[in-house]
C-alpha cells in the first residue's frame, strides 16, 4: 500500500539553504528567535513569487532565492489547516516552531531545490 503524502514548497534564502544542505537535504533548521512558525506553502507558483519578490531583494537571504519541494506524510499534515493569505494560490501552513522536529521526522525522501533565483 502506498503511503499518502503531501507535496509542499518553501521559498528560502542562502543561509537557510546552507543549513538544509548540511542536513543532507533531510531537515529544516530550527526557527530563529522571533520566528514562532515554519511556513511551507502549497504551490510552486506562490513559492516562486515569494523567492523572487522577497529573498532576491533581502540582504539576509544573500540576495538569492531558492524554491524547494518536499514531501510530508499526510497523517502529520492533517493536524494543520492551510491558510489562504491572498489570492487563491496563496495558501500556506503555519507549523509551530515546537513541531518542526516532528515535521522533519515526517519528511518522505529529501528536500529538493527546484528553482534558483538571483537579484534582478
PDB file of N, CA and C in Angstrom:
ATOM      1  N   UNK A   1       0.840  -1.177   0.000  1.00  0.00           N
ATOM      2  CA  UNK A   1       0.000   0.000   0.000  1.00  0.00           C
ATOM      3  C   UNK A   1       0.892   1.250   0.000  1.00  0.00           C
ATOM      4  N   UNK A   2       0.573   2.219  -0.844  1.00  0.00           N
ATOM      5  CA  UNK A   2       1.343   3.451  -0.952  1.00  0.00           C
ATOM      6  C   UNK A   2       0.936   4.424   0.151  1.00  0.00           C
ATOM      7  N   UNK A   3       1.945   5.017   0.749  1.00  0.00           N
ATOM      8  CA  UNK A   3       1.697   5.987   1.821  1.00  0.00           C
ATOM      9  C   UNK A   3       1.196   7.304   1.226  1.00  0.00           C
ATOM     10  N   UNK A   4       0.176   7.913   1.873  1.00  0.00           N
ATOM     11  CA  UNK A   4      -0.330   9.200   1.425  1.00  0.00           C
ATOM     12  C   UNK A   4       0.624  10.294   1.865  1.00  0.00           C
ATOM     13  N   UNK A   5       1.002  11.149   0.907  1.00  0.00           N
ATOM     14  CA  UNK A   5       1.904  12.254   1.217  1.00  0.00           C
ATOM     15  C   UNK A   5       1.366  13.555   0.640  1.00  0.00           C
ATOM     16  N   UNK A   6       1.844  14.653   1.173  1.00  0.00           N
ATOM     17  CA  UNK A   6       1.540  15.981   0.662  1.00  0.00           C
ATOM     18  C   UNK A   6       2.831  16.586   0.138  1.00  0.00           C
ATOM     19  N   UNK A   7       2.766  17.193  -1.005  1.00  0.00           N
ATOM     20  CA  UNK A   7       3.916  17.906  -1.555  1.00  0.00           C
ATOM     21  C   UNK A   7       3.787  19.372  -1.164  1.00  0.00           C
ATOM     22  N   UNK A   8       4.851  19.893  -0.572  1.00  0.00           N
ATOM     23  CA  UNK A   8       4.889  21.280  -0.133  1.00  0.00           C
ATOM     24  C   UNK A   8       6.107  21.965  -0.736  1.00  0.00           C
ATOM     25  N   UNK A   9       6.098  23.292  -0.671  1.00  0.00           N
ATOM     26  CA  UNK A   9       7.168  24.097  -1.230  1.00  0.00           C
ATOM     27  C   UNK A   9       7.597  25.104  -0.173  1.00  0.00           C
ATOM     28  N   UNK A  10       8.854  25.527  -0.270  1.00  0.00           N
ATOM     29  CA  UNK A  10       9.324  26.552   0.649  1.00  0.00           C
ATOM     30  C   UNK A  10      10.317  27.451  -0.082  1.00  0.00           C
ATOM     31  N   UNK A  11       9.984  28.759  -0.141  1.00  0.00           N
ATOM     32  CA  UNK A  11      10.972  29.708  -0.634  1.00  0.00           C
ATOM     33  C   UNK A  11      11.979  29.958   0.483  1.00  0.00           C
ATOM     34  N   UNK A  12      13.244  30.036   0.132  1.00  0.00           N
ATOM     35  CA  UNK A  12      14.264  30.194   1.158  1.00  0.00           C
ATOM     36  C   UNK A  12      15.444  30.990   0.619  1.00  0.00           C
ATOM     37  N   UNK A  13      16.200  31.536   1.533  1.00  0.00           N
ATOM     38  CA  UNK A  13      17.414  32.254   1.181  1.00  0.00           C
ATOM     39  C   UNK A  13      18.631  31.369   1.334  1.00  0.00           C
ATOM     40  N   UNK A  14      19.790  31.972   1.117  1.00  0.00           N
ATOM     41  CA  UNK A  14      21.041  31.215   1.117  1.00  0.00           C
ATOM     42  C   UNK A  14      21.363  30.591   2.474  1.00  0.00           C
ATOM     43  N   UNK A  15      21.221  31.354   3.557  1.00  0.00           N
ATOM     44  CA  UNK A  15      21.612  30.837   4.879  1.00  0.00           C
ATOM     45  C   UNK A  15      20.789  29.610   5.262  1.00  0.00           C
ATOM     46  N   UNK A  16      19.473  29.677   5.057  1.00  0.00           N
ATOM     47  CA  UNK A  16      18.640  28.523   5.398  1.00  0.00           C
ATOM     48  C   UNK A  16      18.967  27.341   4.494  1.00  0.00           C
ATOM     49  N   UNK A  17      19.184  27.606   3.214  1.00  0.00           N
ATOM     50  CA  UNK A  17      19.513  26.513   2.309  1.00  0.00           C
ATOM     51  C   UNK A  17      20.836  25.852   2.700  1.00  0.00           C
ATOM     52  N   UNK A  18      21.796  26.637   3.161  1.00  0.00           N
ATOM     53  CA  UNK A  18      23.068  26.060   3.611  1.00  0.00           C
ATOM     54  C   UNK A  18      22.853  25.086   4.771  1.00  0.00           C
ATOM     55  N   UNK A  19      21.936  25.420   5.675  1.00  0.00           N
ATOM     56  CA  UNK A  19      21.632  24.529   6.801  1.00  0.00           C
ATOM     57  C   UNK A  19      20.895  23.275   6.337  1.00  0.00           C
ATOM     58  N   UNK A  20      20.013  23.428   5.372  1.00  0.00           N
ATOM     59  CA  UNK A  20      19.325  22.266   4.800  1.00  0.00           C
ATOM     60  C   UNK A  20      20.345  21.349   4.127  1.00  0.00           C
ATOM     61  N   UNK A  21      21.258  21.932   3.372  1.00  0.00           N
ATOM     62  CA  UNK A  21      22.308  21.144   2.703  1.00  0.00           C
ATOM     63  C   UNK A  21      23.140  20.382   3.741  1.00  0.00           C
ATOM     64  N   UNK A  22      23.479  21.054   4.865  1.00  0.00           N
ATOM     65  CA  UNK A  22      24.277  20.417   5.923  1.00  0.00           C
ATOM     66  C   UNK A  22      23.560  19.207   6.525  1.00  0.00           C
ATOM     67  N   UNK A  23      22.234  19.191   6.443  1.00  0.00           N
ATOM     68  CA  UNK A  23      21.465  18.054   6.973  1.00  0.00           C
ATOM     69  C   UNK A  23      21.343  16.920   5.951  1.00  0.00           C
ATOM     70  N   UNK A  24      21.979  17.077   4.810  1.00  0.00           N
ATOM     71  CA  UNK A  24      21.817  16.083   3.748  1.00  0.00           C
ATOM     72  C   UNK A  24      20.498  16.243   3.023  1.00  0.00           C
ATOM     73  N   UNK A  25      19.941  17.457   3.063  1.00  0.00           N
ATOM     74  CA  UNK A  25      18.646  17.766   2.446  1.00  0.00           C
ATOM     75  C   UNK A  25      17.518  16.930   3.060  1.00  0.00           C
ATOM     76  N   UNK A  26      17.615  16.725   4.368  1.00  0.00           N
ATOM     77  CA  UNK A  26      16.608  15.910   5.060  1.00  0.00           C
ATOM     78  C   UNK A  26      15.844  16.660   6.144  1.00  0.00           C
ATOM     79  N   UNK A  27      16.355  17.835   6.578  1.00  0.00           N
ATOM     80  CA  UNK A  27      15.720  18.519   7.717  1.00  0.00           C
ATOM     81  C   UNK A  27      15.758  20.030   7.524  1.00  0.00           C
ATOM     82  N   UNK A  28      14.698  20.655   8.004  1.00  0.00           N
ATOM     83  CA  UNK A  28      14.662  22.110   8.097  1.00  0.00           C
ATOM     84  C   UNK A  28      15.306  22.522   9.411  1.00  0.00           C
ATOM     85  N   UNK A  29      16.058  23.618   9.406  1.00  0.00           N
ATOM     86  CA  UNK A  29      16.726  24.051  10.638  1.00  0.00           C
ATOM     87  C   UNK A  29      15.731  24.644  11.629  1.00  0.00           C
ATOM     88  N   UNK A  30      16.113  24.671  12.912  1.00  0.00           N
ATOM     89  CA  UNK A  30      15.237  25.290  13.917  1.00  0.00           C
ATOM     90  C   UNK A  30      14.944  26.742  13.548  1.00  0.00           C
ATOM     91  N   UNK A  31      13.805  27.198  13.979  1.00  0.00           N
ATOM     92  CA  UNK A  31      13.439  28.594  13.755  1.00  0.00           C
ATOM     93  C   UNK A  31      14.335  29.488  14.604  1.00  0.00           C
ATOM     94  N   UNK A  32      14.556  30.681  14.128  1.00  0.00           N
ATOM     95  CA  UNK A  32      15.328  31.672  14.871  1.00  0.00           C
ATOM     96  C   UNK A  32      14.436  32.317  15.930  1.00  0.00           C
ATOM     97  N   UNK A  33      15.028  32.946  16.935  1.00  0.00           N
ATOM     98  CA  UNK A  33      14.205  33.689  17.902  1.00  0.00           C
ATOM     99  C   UNK A  33      13.322  34.690  17.142  1.00  0.00           C
ATOM    100  N   UNK A  34      12.100  34.800  17.556  1.00  0.00           N
ATOM    101  CA  UNK A  34      11.157  35.690  16.876  1.00  0.00           C
ATOM    102  C   UNK A  34      10.479  35.059  15.676  1.00  0.00           C
ATOM    103  N   UNK A  35      10.738  33.783  15.414  1.00  0.00           N
ATOM    104  CA  UNK A  35      10.083  33.054  14.324  1.00  0.00           C
ATOM    105  C   UNK A  35       9.278  31.902  14.928  1.00  0.00           C
ATOM    106  N   UNK A  36       8.057  32.188  15.374  1.00  0.00           N
ATOM    107  CA  UNK A  36       7.287  31.151  16.063  1.00  0.00           C
ATOM    108  C   UNK A  36       6.699  30.077  15.147  1.00  0.00           C
ATOM    109  N   UNK A  37       6.737  30.308  13.820  1.00  0.00           N
ATOM    110  CA  UNK A  37       6.144  29.354  12.883  1.00  0.00           C
ATOM    111  C   UNK A  37       7.092  29.059  11.730  1.00  0.00           C
ATOM    112  N   UNK A  38       6.903  27.887  11.158  1.00  0.00           N
ATOM    113  CA  UNK A  38       7.535  27.481   9.906  1.00  0.00           C
ATOM    114  C   UNK A  38       6.426  27.527   8.875  1.00  0.00           C
ATOM    115  N   UNK A  39       6.666  28.179   7.733  1.00  0.00           N
ATOM    116  CA  UNK A  39       5.619  28.436   6.749  1.00  0.00           C
ATOM    117  C   UNK A  39       5.888  27.749   5.408  1.00  0.00           C
ATOM    118  N   UNK A  40       5.575  26.485   5.255  1.00  0.00           N
ATOM    119  CA  UNK A  40       5.630  25.901   3.914  1.00  0.00           C
ATOM    120  C   UNK A  40       4.385  26.331   3.136  1.00  0.00           C
ATOM    121  N   UNK A  41       4.518  26.446   1.837  1.00  0.00           N
ATOM    122  CA  UNK A  41       3.387  26.861   1.004  1.00  0.00           C
ATOM    123  C   UNK A  41       2.926  25.681   0.150  1.00  0.00           C
ATOM    124  N   UNK A  42       1.741  25.823  -0.411  1.00  0.00           N
ATOM    125  CA  UNK A  42       1.122  24.693  -1.093  1.00  0.00           C
ATOM    126  C   UNK A  42       1.296  24.704  -2.605  1.00  0.00           C
ATOM    127  N   UNK A  43       1.878  25.769  -3.167  1.00  0.00           N
ATOM    128  CA  UNK A  43       2.045  25.783  -4.624  1.00  0.00           C
ATOM    129  C   UNK A  43       3.419  26.304  -5.017  1.00  0.00           C
ATOM    130  N   UNK A  44       3.922  25.733  -6.073  1.00  0.00           N
ATOM    131  CA  UNK A  44       5.211  26.155  -6.627  1.00  0.00           C
ATOM    132  C   UNK A  44       5.139  27.613  -7.069  1.00  0.00           C
ATOM    133  N   UNK A  45       4.021  28.003  -7.663  1.00  0.00           N
ATOM    134  CA  UNK A  45       3.845  29.377  -8.143  1.00  0.00           C
ATOM    135  C   UNK A  45       3.983  30.380  -6.998  1.00  0.00           C
ATOM    136  N   UNK A  46       3.337  30.117  -5.883  1.00  0.00           N
ATOM    137  CA  UNK A  46       3.405  31.015  -4.722  1.00  0.00           C
ATOM    138  C   UNK A  46       4.831  31.068  -4.172  1.00  0.00           C
ATOM    139  N   UNK A  47       5.499  29.921  -4.096  1.00  0.00           N
ATOM    140  CA  UNK A  47       6.883  29.890  -3.614  1.00  0.00           C
ATOM    141  C   UNK A  47       7.787  30.713  -4.533  1.00  0.00           C
ATOM    142  N   UNK A  48       7.577  30.625  -5.832  1.00  0.00           N
ATOM    143  CA  UNK A  48       8.360  31.426  -6.774  1.00  0.00           C
ATOM    144  C   UNK A  48       8.126  32.921  -6.567  1.00  0.00           C
ATOM    145  N   UNK A  49       6.874  33.307  -6.350  1.00  0.00           N
ATOM    146  CA  UNK A  49       6.560  34.721  -6.097  1.00  0.00           C
ATOM    147  C   UNK A  49       7.336  35.239  -4.893  1.00  0.00           C
ATOM    148  N   UNK A  50       7.321  34.478  -3.811  1.00  0.00           N
ATOM    149  CA  UNK A  50       7.994  34.905  -2.587  1.00  0.00           C
ATOM    150  C   UNK A  50       9.507  34.971  -2.807  1.00  0.00           C
ATOM    151  N   UNK A  51      10.068  33.933  -3.397  1.00  0.00           N
ATOM    152  CA  UNK A  51      11.516  33.902  -3.622  1.00  0.00           C
ATOM    153  C   UNK A  51      11.951  35.069  -4.504  1.00  0.00           C
ATOM    154  N   UNK A  52      11.168  35.376  -5.521  1.00  0.00           N
ATOM    155  CA  UNK A  52      11.509  36.444  -6.458  1.00  0.00           C
ATOM    156  C   UNK A  52      11.355  37.829  -5.824  1.00  0.00           C
ATOM    157  N   UNK A  53      10.270  38.044  -5.111  1.00  0.00           N
ATOM    158  CA  UNK A  53       9.990  39.390  -4.602  1.00  0.00           C
ATOM    159  C   UNK A  53      10.556  39.652  -3.218  1.00  0.00           C
ATOM    160  N   UNK A  54      10.927  38.607  -2.495  1.00  0.00           N
ATOM    161  CA  UNK A  54      11.444  38.808  -1.147  1.00  0.00           C
ATOM    162  C   UNK A  54      12.904  38.387  -1.040  1.00  0.00           C
ATOM    163  N   UNK A  55      13.182  37.121  -1.234  1.00  0.00           N
ATOM    164  CA  UNK A  55      14.531  36.603  -0.988  1.00  0.00           C
ATOM    165  C   UNK A  55      15.594  37.273  -1.856  1.00  0.00           C
ATOM    166  N   UNK A  56      15.304  37.493  -3.138  1.00  0.00           N
ATOM    167  CA  UNK A  56      16.332  38.065  -4.013  1.00  0.00           C
ATOM    168  C   UNK A  56      16.619  39.532  -3.687  1.00  0.00           C
ATOM    169  N   UNK A  57      15.761  40.169  -2.926  1.00  0.00           N
ATOM    170  CA  UNK A  57      15.948  41.579  -2.561  1.00  0.00           C
ATOM    171  C   UNK A  57      16.394  41.765  -1.117  1.00  0.00           C
ATOM    172  N   UNK A  58      16.575  40.670  -0.420  1.00  0.00           N
ATOM    173  CA  UNK A  58      16.872  40.700   1.011  1.00  0.00           C
ATOM    174  C   UNK A  58      18.336  40.350   1.266  1.00  0.00           C
ATOM    175  N   UNK A  59      19.060  41.281   1.881  1.00  0.00           N
ATOM    176  CA  UNK A  59      20.480  41.037   2.180  1.00  0.00           C
ATOM    177  C   UNK A  59      20.648  39.814   3.082  1.00  0.00           C
ATOM    178  N   UNK A  60      19.747  39.639   4.054  1.00  0.00           N
ATOM    179  CA  UNK A  60      19.846  38.495   4.972  1.00  0.00           C
ATOM    180  C   UNK A  60      19.656  37.165   4.239  1.00  0.00           C
ATOM    181  N   UNK A  61      19.022  37.187   3.075  1.00  0.00           N
ATOM    182  CA  UNK A  61      18.840  35.981   2.261  1.00  0.00           C
ATOM    183  C   UNK A  61      19.980  35.807   1.259  1.00  0.00           C
ATOM    184  N   UNK A  62      20.966  36.702   1.327  1.00  0.00           N
ATOM    185  CA  UNK A  62      22.082  36.620   0.388  1.00  0.00           C
ATOM    186  C   UNK A  62      21.709  37.071  -1.015  1.00  0.00           C
ATOM    187  N   UNK A  63      20.609  37.838  -1.117  1.00  0.00           N
ATOM    188  CA  UNK A  63      20.091  38.280  -2.422  1.00  0.00           C
ATOM    189  C   UNK A  63      19.910  37.106  -3.374  1.00  0.00           C
ATOM    190  N   UNK A  64      19.594  35.958  -2.794  1.00  0.00           N
ATOM    191  CA  UNK A  64      19.342  34.751  -3.583  1.00  0.00           C
ATOM    192  C   UNK A  64      18.046  34.119  -3.091  1.00  0.00           C
ATOM    193  N   UNK A  65      17.272  33.635  -4.018  1.00  0.00           N
ATOM    194  CA  UNK A  65      16.040  32.948  -3.661  1.00  0.00           C
ATOM    195  C   UNK A  65      16.048  31.546  -4.231  1.00  0.00           C
ATOM    196  N   UNK A  66      15.612  30.629  -3.430  1.00  0.00           N
ATOM    197  CA  UNK A  66      15.519  29.236  -3.852  1.00  0.00           C
ATOM    198  C   UNK A  66      14.107  28.764  -3.572  1.00  0.00           C
ATOM    199  N   UNK A  67      13.604  27.922  -4.449  1.00  0.00           N
ATOM    200  CA  UNK A  67      12.328  27.254  -4.199  1.00  0.00           C
ATOM    201  C   UNK A  67      12.649  25.789  -3.987  1.00  0.00           C
ATOM    202  N   UNK A  68      12.188  25.297  -2.852  1.00  0.00           N
ATOM    203  CA  UNK A  68      12.397  23.889  -2.531  1.00  0.00           C
ATOM    204  C   UNK A  68      11.064  23.160  -2.572  1.00  0.00           C
ATOM    205  N   UNK A  69      11.159  21.870  -2.817  1.00  0.00           N
ATOM    206  CA  UNK A  69       9.976  20.998  -2.803  1.00  0.00           C
ATOM    207  C   UNK A  69      10.295  19.843  -1.864  1.00  0.00           C
ATOM    208  N   UNK A  70       9.310  19.488  -1.052  1.00  0.00           N
ATOM    209  CA  UNK A  70       9.495  18.348  -0.162  1.00  0.00           C
ATOM    210  C   UNK A  70       8.148  17.697   0.085  1.00  0.00           C
ATOM    211  N   UNK A  71       8.219  16.446   0.498  1.00  0.00           N
ATOM    212  CA  UNK A  71       7.004  15.659   0.713  1.00  0.00           C
ATOM    213  C   UNK A  71       6.920  15.269   2.181  1.00  0.00           C
ATOM    214  N   UNK A  72       5.695  15.367   2.704  1.00  0.00           N
ATOM    215  CA  UNK A  72       5.449  15.099   4.126  1.00  0.00           C
ATOM    216  C   UNK A  72       4.279  14.132   4.229  1.00  0.00           C
ATOM    217  N   UNK A  73       4.361  13.232   5.187  1.00  0.00           N
ATOM    218  CA  UNK A  73       3.246  12.303   5.413  1.00  0.00           C
ATOM    219  C   UNK A  73       1.952  13.078   5.670  1.00  0.00           C
ATOM    220  N   UNK A  74       0.925  12.688   4.947  1.00  0.00           N
ATOM    221  CA  UNK A  74      -0.389  13.319   5.089  1.00  0.00           C
ATOM    222  C   UNK A  74      -0.901  13.196   6.518  1.00  0.00           C
ATOM    223  N   UNK A  75      -0.638  12.074   7.162  1.00  0.00           N
ATOM    224  CA  UNK A  75      -1.126  11.873   8.540  1.00  0.00           C
ATOM    225  C   UNK A  75      -0.586  12.956   9.477  1.00  0.00           C
ATOM    226  N   UNK A  76       0.618  13.439   9.243  1.00  0.00           N
ATOM    227  CA  UNK A  76       1.151  14.541  10.046  1.00  0.00           C
ATOM    228  C   UNK A  76       0.504  15.862   9.632  1.00  0.00           C
ATOM    229  N   UNK A  77       0.440  16.130   8.347  1.00  0.00           N
ATOM    230  CA  UNK A  77      -0.080  17.424   7.867  1.00  0.00           C
ATOM    231  C   UNK A  77      -1.562  17.604   8.157  1.00  0.00           C
ATOM    232  N   UNK A  78      -2.297  16.512   8.318  1.00  0.00           N
ATOM    233  CA  UNK A  78      -3.727  16.616   8.615  1.00  0.00           C
ATOM    234  C   UNK A  78      -4.005  17.307   9.951  1.00  0.00           C
ATOM    235  N   UNK A  79      -2.993  17.476  10.778  1.00  0.00           N
ATOM    236  CA  UNK A  79      -3.164  18.182  12.056  1.00  0.00           C
ATOM    237  C   UNK A  79      -3.271  19.696  11.863  1.00  0.00           C
ATOM    238  N   UNK A  80      -2.953  20.173  10.678  1.00  0.00           N
ATOM    239  CA  UNK A  80      -2.890  21.612  10.416  1.00  0.00           C
ATOM    240  C   UNK A  80      -3.809  21.992   9.267  1.00  0.00           C
ATOM    241  N   UNK A  81      -4.362  23.185   9.359  1.00  0.00           N
ATOM    242  CA  UNK A  81      -5.216  23.714   8.301  1.00  0.00           C
ATOM    243  C   UNK A  81      -4.398  24.654   7.425  1.00  0.00           C
ATOM    244  N   UNK A  82      -4.552  24.572   6.110  1.00  0.00           N
ATOM    245  CA  UNK A  82      -3.900  25.571   5.266  1.00  0.00           C
ATOM    246  C   UNK A  82      -4.597  26.924   5.436  1.00  0.00           C
ATOM    247  N   UNK A  83      -3.824  27.986   5.354  1.00  0.00           N
ATOM    248  CA  UNK A  83      -4.347  29.345   5.488  1.00  0.00           C
ATOM    249  C   UNK A  83      -4.219  30.057   4.150  1.00  0.00           C
ATOM    250  N   UNK A  84      -5.304  30.662   3.705  1.00  0.00           N
ATOM    251  CA  UNK A  84      -5.268  31.485   2.485  1.00  0.00           C
ATOM    252  C   UNK A  84      -4.882  32.889   2.926  1.00  0.00           C
ATOM    253  N   UNK A  85      -3.810  33.421   2.325  1.00  0.00           N
ATOM    254  CA  UNK A  85      -3.277  34.717   2.765  1.00  0.00           C
ATOM    255  C   UNK A  85      -3.261  35.742   1.633  1.00  0.00           C
ATOM    256  N   UNK A  86      -4.056  35.533   0.634  1.00  0.00           N
ATOM    257  CA  UNK A  86      -4.121  36.440  -0.510  1.00  0.00           C
ATOM    258  C   UNK A  86      -4.975  35.810  -1.585  1.00  0.00           C
ATOM    259  N   UNK A  87      -4.442  35.759  -2.797  1.00  0.00           N
ATOM    260  CA  UNK A  87      -5.149  35.149  -3.919  1.00  0.00           C
ATOM    261  C   UNK A  87      -5.319  33.645  -3.674  1.00  0.00           C
ATOM    262  N   UNK A  88      -6.084  33.009  -4.525  1.00  0.00           N
ATOM    263  CA  UNK A  88      -6.413  31.590  -4.341  1.00  0.00           C
ATOM    264  C   UNK A  88      -5.172  30.703  -4.221  1.00  0.00           C
ATOM    265  N   UNK A  89      -4.095  31.031  -4.959  1.00  0.00           N
ATOM    266  CA  UNK A  89      -2.891  30.192  -4.901  1.00  0.00           C
ATOM    267  C   UNK A  89      -1.996  30.537  -3.713  1.00  0.00           C
ATOM    268  N   UNK A  90      -2.358  31.538  -2.922  1.00  0.00           N
ATOM    269  CA  UNK A  90      -1.546  31.962  -1.773  1.00  0.00           C
ATOM    270  C   UNK A  90      -1.994  31.239  -0.501  1.00  0.00           C
ATOM    271  N   UNK A  91      -1.680  29.962  -0.453  1.00  0.00           N
ATOM    272  CA  UNK A  91      -2.031  29.169   0.729  1.00  0.00           C
ATOM    273  C   UNK A  91      -0.761  28.598   1.343  1.00  0.00           C
ATOM    274  N   UNK A  92      -0.770  28.557   2.649  1.00  0.00           N
ATOM    275  CA  UNK A  92       0.408  28.111   3.392  1.00  0.00           C
ATOM    276  C   UNK A  92      -0.027  27.461   4.696  1.00  0.00           C
ATOM    277  N   UNK A  93       0.868  26.686   5.237  1.00  0.00           N
ATOM    278  CA  UNK A  93       0.653  26.085   6.553  1.00  0.00           C
ATOM    279  C   UNK A  93       1.443  26.875   7.583  1.00  0.00           C
ATOM    280  N   UNK A  94       0.908  26.945   8.784  1.00  0.00           N
ATOM    281  CA  UNK A  94       1.586  27.599   9.899  1.00  0.00           C
ATOM    282  C   UNK A  94       1.930  26.497  10.903  1.00  0.00           C
ATOM    283  N   UNK A  95       3.126  25.977  10.791  1.00  0.00           N
ATOM    284  CA  UNK A  95       3.578  24.893  11.664  1.00  0.00           C
ATOM    285  C   UNK A  95       4.308  25.515  12.849  1.00  0.00           C
ATOM    286  N   UNK A  96       3.827  25.327  14.076  1.00  0.00           N
ATOM    287  CA  UNK A  96       4.527  25.905  15.233  1.00  0.00           C
ATOM    288  C   UNK A  96       5.982  25.436  15.281  1.00  0.00           C
ATOM    289  N   UNK A  97       6.856  26.348  15.661  1.00  0.00           N
ATOM    290  CA  UNK A  97       8.288  26.036  15.740  1.00  0.00           C
ATOM    291  C   UNK A  97       8.542  24.806  16.605  1.00  0.00           C
ATOM    292  N   UNK A  98       7.756  24.635  17.647  1.00  0.00           N
ATOM    293  CA  UNK A  98       7.923  23.477  18.532  1.00  0.00           C
ATOM    294  C   UNK A  98       7.613  22.149  17.836  1.00  0.00           C
ATOM    295  N   UNK A  99       6.905  22.188  16.697  1.00  0.00           N
ATOM    296  CA  UNK A  99       6.544  20.981  15.959  1.00  0.00           C
ATOM    297  C   UNK A  99       7.491  20.698  14.794  1.00  0.00           C
ATOM    298  N   UNK A 100       8.508  21.535  14.619  1.00  0.00           N
ATOM    299  CA  UNK A 100       9.369  21.397  13.450  1.00  0.00           C
ATOM    300  C   UNK A 100      10.150  20.081  13.441  1.00  0.00           C
ATOM    301  N   UNK A 101      10.644  19.633  14.580  1.00  0.00           N
ATOM    302  CA  UNK A 101      11.350  18.346  14.598  1.00  0.00           C
ATOM    303  C   UNK A 101      10.436  17.216  14.139  1.00  0.00           C
ATOM    304  N   UNK A 102       9.190  17.256  14.580  1.00  0.00           N
ATOM    305  CA  UNK A 102       8.248  16.208  14.176  1.00  0.00           C
ATOM    306  C   UNK A 102       7.927  16.299  12.684  1.00  0.00           C
ATOM    307  N   UNK A 103       7.797  17.522  12.167  1.00  0.00           N
ATOM    308  CA  UNK A 103       7.613  17.676  10.724  1.00  0.00           C
ATOM    309  C   UNK A 103       8.809  17.062  10.002  1.00  0.00           C
ATOM    310  N   UNK A 104      10.018  17.399  10.445  1.00  0.00           N
ATOM    311  CA  UNK A 104      11.220  16.842   9.820  1.00  0.00           C
ATOM    312  C   UNK A 104      11.220  15.314   9.849  1.00  0.00           C
ATOM    313  N   UNK A 105      10.751  14.733  10.933  1.00  0.00           N
ATOM    314  CA  UNK A 105      10.683  13.273  11.049  1.00  0.00           C
ATOM    315  C   UNK A 105       9.665  12.666  10.084  1.00  0.00           C
ATOM    316  N   UNK A 106       8.755  13.490   9.568  1.00  0.00           N
ATOM    317  CA  UNK A 106       7.713  13.017   8.659  1.00  0.00           C
ATOM    318  C   UNK A 106       7.976  13.372   7.201  1.00  0.00           C
ATOM    319  N   UNK A 107       9.157  13.933   6.917  1.00  0.00           N
ATOM    320  CA  UNK A 107       9.525  14.185   5.525  1.00  0.00           C
ATOM    321  C   UNK A 107       9.831  12.847   4.861  1.00  0.00           C
ATOM    322  N   UNK A 108       9.277  12.660   3.678  1.00  0.00           N
ATOM    323  CA  UNK A 108       9.486  11.447   2.896  1.00  0.00           C
ATOM    324  C   UNK A 108      10.472  11.800   1.783  1.00  0.00           C
ATOM    325  N   UNK A 109      11.624  11.177   1.805  1.00  0.00           N
ATOM    326  CA  UNK A 109      12.642  11.492   0.800  1.00  0.00           C
ATOM    327  C   UNK A 109      13.466  12.688   1.227  1.00  0.00           C
ATOM    328  N   UNK A 110      13.890  13.480   0.254  1.00  0.00           N
ATOM    329  CA  UNK A 110      14.749  14.624   0.539  1.00  0.00           C
ATOM    330  C   UNK A 110      14.090  15.933   0.117  1.00  0.00           C
ATOM    331  N   UNK A 111      14.652  17.014   0.603  1.00  0.00           N
ATOM    332  CA  UNK A 111      14.241  18.366   0.231  1.00  0.00           C
ATOM    333  C   UNK A 111      14.985  18.699  -1.065  1.00  0.00           C
ATOM    334  N   UNK A 112      14.242  19.046  -2.100  1.00  0.00           N
ATOM    335  CA  UNK A 112      14.833  19.302  -3.415  1.00  0.00           C
ATOM    336  C   UNK A 112      14.830  20.793  -3.735  1.00  0.00           C
ATOM    337  N   UNK A 113      15.902  21.288  -4.300  1.00  0.00           N
ATOM    338  CA  UNK A 113      15.931  22.655  -4.827  1.00  0.00           C
ATOM    339  C   UNK A 113      15.443  22.569  -6.266  1.00  0.00           C
ATOM    340  N   UNK A 114      14.332  23.256  -6.557  1.00  0.00           N
ATOM    341  CA  UNK A 114      13.766  23.165  -7.904  1.00  0.00           C
ATOM    342  C   UNK A 114      13.905  24.468  -8.702  1.00  0.00           C
ATOM    343  N   UNK A 115      14.216  25.583  -8.012  1.00  0.00           N
ATOM    344  CA  UNK A 115      14.460  26.859  -8.693  1.00  0.00           C
ATOM    345  C   UNK A 115      15.527  27.627  -7.938  1.00  0.00           C
ATOM    346  N   UNK A 116      16.389  28.315  -8.686  1.00  0.00           N
ATOM    347  CA  UNK A 116      17.404  29.207  -8.126  1.00  0.00           C
ATOM    348  C   UNK A 116      17.220  30.565  -8.786  1.00  0.00           C
ATOM    349  N   UNK A 117      17.077  31.598  -7.963  1.00  0.00           N
ATOM    350  CA  UNK A 117      16.887  32.948  -8.466  1.00  0.00           C
ATOM    351  C   UNK A 117      17.928  33.880  -7.856  1.00  0.00           C
ATOM    352  N   UNK A 118      18.325  34.884  -8.618  1.00  0.00           N
ATOM    353  CA  UNK A 118      19.263  35.875  -8.088  1.00  0.00           C
ATOM    354  C   UNK A 118      18.649  37.252  -8.224  1.00  0.00           C
ATOM    355  N   UNK A 119      19.266  38.214  -7.558  1.00  0.00           N
ATOM    356  CA  UNK A 119      18.759  39.591  -7.561  1.00  0.00           C
ATOM    357  C   UNK A 119      18.624  40.096  -9.000  1.00  0.00           C
ATOM    358  N   UNK A 120      17.565  40.868  -9.236  1.00  0.00           N
ATOM    359  CA  UNK A 120      17.366  41.416 -10.599  1.00  0.00           C
ATOM    360  C   UNK A 120      18.445  42.432 -10.957  1.00  0.00           C
TER     361      UNK A 120
END
